[in-house]
Amino acid sequence: MNNQYGFGKTVSYSFDAALEKVTQALQKEGFGILTEIDTAATIKKKLNIDMPPYRILGACNPQLAHAALEADPSIGLLLPCNVVVRMDDKDKVFVEFMDPKVLMQLVNDASIEKVANEVRQRLERVMNAL
């Protein structure tokens, strides 16, 4: 489950357990959850359309975010790192991570690239811990 802008995997947990496990694994890598968007609930409320559970987590590592902001104050447009926990209509659960290296390539700054590489390594460890 890789694409041009992210990476992830199918997990053998329930949706709720996957949310809990990814949050714990992110915390071990220094990330907190700044935002949590319940996309399925929003679609239901606004459009009255049912969809499988779909949550977008806005994860942030304060030290790495600060380093990126020091290098380029406008980089906040690309923060936080989004992590998606979703279920398909066959009850498979997926955990997907935005690839910070792809977004940071837009900036073309060596110090930003260094931060992006560190973030990517940490997110890969989170994914591997699931």
Protein backbone atom coordinates (compact mmCIF):
# COMPACT_ATOMS: atom_id res chain seq x y z
CA MET A 1 0.00 0.00 0.00
CA ASN A 2 2.46 2.51 -1.23
CA ASN A 3 1.72 5.40 -3.56
CA GLN A 4 3.48 8.58 -4.62
CA TYR A 5 2.53 10.49 -1.48
CA GLY A 6 2.37 7.92 1.29
CA PHE A 7 3.00 4.46 2.62
CA GLY A 8 1.19 2.08 4.94
CA LYS A 9 -0.09 -1.39 5.50
CA THR A 10 -3.08 -3.54 6.28
CA VAL A 11 -3.30 -4.48 9.95
CA SER A 12 -5.01 -7.36 11.69
CA TYR A 13 -6.58 -5.20 14.41
CA SER A 14 -10.09 -3.86 14.73
CA PHE A 15 -10.51 -0.23 13.69
CA ASP A 16 -10.56 1.01 17.30
CA ALA A 17 -7.57 -1.13 18.28
CA ALA A 18 -5.63 0.15 15.25
CA LEU A 19 -6.36 3.75 16.32
CA GLU A 20 -5.10 3.01 19.81
CA LYS A 21 -2.00 1.12 18.67
CA VAL A 22 -0.95 3.72 16.10
CA THR A 23 -1.41 6.51 18.66
CA GLN A 24 0.76 4.64 21.17
CA ALA A 25 3.43 3.88 18.56
CA LEU A 26 3.47 7.53 17.47
CA GLN A 27 3.94 8.60 21.09
CA LYS A 28 6.95 6.29 21.43
CA GLU A 29 8.50 8.15 18.47
CA GLY A 30 7.80 11.56 20.02
CA PHE A 31 4.60 12.42 18.13
CA GLY A 32 1.42 13.74 19.65
CA ILE A 33 -1.96 13.93 17.97
CA LEU A 34 -2.90 17.57 17.37
CA THR A 35 -6.07 16.90 15.41
CA GLU A 36 -8.39 14.01 14.82
CA ILE A 37 -10.93 14.20 12.01
CA ASP A 38 -13.69 11.63 11.93
CA THR A 39 -14.24 11.74 8.19
CA ALA A 40 -17.01 9.13 8.18
CA ALA A 41 -19.02 11.08 10.78
CA THR A 42 -18.53 14.33 8.87
CA ILE A 43 -19.66 12.78 5.57
CA LYS A 44 -22.70 11.31 7.33
CA LYS A 45 -23.59 14.62 8.96
CA LYS A 46 -23.01 16.84 5.92
CA LEU A 47 -24.09 14.54 3.10
CA ASN A 48 -26.09 11.81 4.85
CA ILE A 49 -23.87 9.19 3.21
CA ASP A 50 -22.62 6.18 5.15
CA MET A 51 -19.04 5.10 4.71
CA PRO A 52 -16.72 2.76 6.60
CA PRO A 53 -14.77 4.24 9.54
CA TYR A 54 -12.12 6.71 8.38
CA ARG A 55 -10.02 8.82 10.74
CA ILE A 56 -7.34 11.36 9.88
CA LEU A 57 -4.83 11.98 12.66
CA GLY A 58 -2.68 15.12 12.56
CA ALA A 59 0.55 13.92 14.17
CA CYS A 60 3.31 16.28 15.27
CA ASN A 61 6.74 15.83 16.78
CA PRO A 62 7.39 19.24 18.40
CA GLN A 63 11.19 19.08 18.11
CA LEU A 64 11.14 18.16 14.44
CA ALA A 65 8.37 20.65 13.68
CA HIS A 66 10.39 23.39 15.38
CA ALA A 67 13.48 22.51 13.35
CA ALA A 68 11.47 22.69 10.12
CA LEU A 69 9.86 26.01 11.13
CA GLU A 70 13.26 27.47 11.99
CA ALA A 71 14.51 26.55 8.52
CA ASP A 72 11.38 27.83 6.74
CA PRO A 73 8.61 29.62 8.68
CA SER A 74 6.10 28.93 5.88
CA ILE A 75 6.60 25.15 6.22
CA GLY A 76 3.60 25.14 8.55
CA LEU A 77 1.51 24.87 5.39
CA LEU A 78 2.76 21.29 5.14
CA LEU A 79 2.36 20.37 8.81
CA PRO A 80 1.28 18.24 10.69
CA CYS A 81 2.00 14.77 9.35
CA ASN A 82 -1.27 13.07 8.46
CA VAL A 83 -1.86 9.48 9.45
CA VAL A 84 -5.01 7.75 8.21
CA VAL A 85 -6.70 4.82 9.91
CA ARG A 86 -9.47 3.48 7.72
CA MET A 87 -11.62 0.46 7.09
CA ASP A 88 -12.84 -0.70 3.72
CA ASP A 89 -16.21 -2.23 2.97
CA LYS A 90 -14.74 -5.71 3.55
CA ASP A 91 -13.75 -4.82 7.14
CA LYS A 92 -10.03 -4.67 6.36
CA VAL A 93 -8.22 -2.01 8.40
CA PHE A 94 -5.43 0.09 6.92
CA VAL A 95 -2.95 2.48 8.53
CA GLU A 96 -1.41 4.95 6.10
CA PHE A 97 1.21 7.66 6.55
CA MET A 98 1.84 10.81 4.58
CA ASP A 99 5.39 10.66 3.21
CA PRO A 100 7.11 13.81 4.53
CA LYS A 101 9.96 13.41 2.06
CA VAL A 102 7.57 13.92 -0.86
CA LEU A 103 6.08 17.07 0.63
CA MET A 104 9.43 18.45 1.66
CA GLN A 105 10.79 18.08 -1.87
CA LEU A 106 8.64 21.08 -2.69
CA VAL A 107 10.87 23.21 -0.48
CA ASN A 108 14.30 22.33 -1.93
CA ASP A 109 16.24 23.10 1.26
CA ALA A 110 18.87 20.73 2.68
CA SER A 111 17.92 21.45 6.29
CA ILE A 112 14.27 20.66 5.55
CA GLU A 113 15.30 17.49 3.75
CA LYS A 114 17.22 16.38 6.84
CA VAL A 115 14.13 16.88 9.02
CA ALA A 116 11.92 15.11 6.48
CA ASN A 117 14.25 12.12 6.43
CA GLU A 118 14.13 11.90 10.24
CA VAL A 119 10.33 12.12 10.24
CA ARG A 120 10.09 9.43 7.55
CA GLN A 121 12.36 7.09 9.55
CA ARG A 122 10.25 7.57 12.68
CA LEU A 123 6.98 7.01 10.80
CA GLU A 124 8.39 3.85 9.24
CA ARG A 125 9.24 2.59 12.74
CA VAL A 126 5.65 3.34 13.79
CA MET A 127 4.33 1.39 10.83
CA ASN A 128 6.66 -1.53 11.55
CA ALA A 129 5.53 -1.58 15.19
CA LEU A 130 1.93 -2.24 14.15
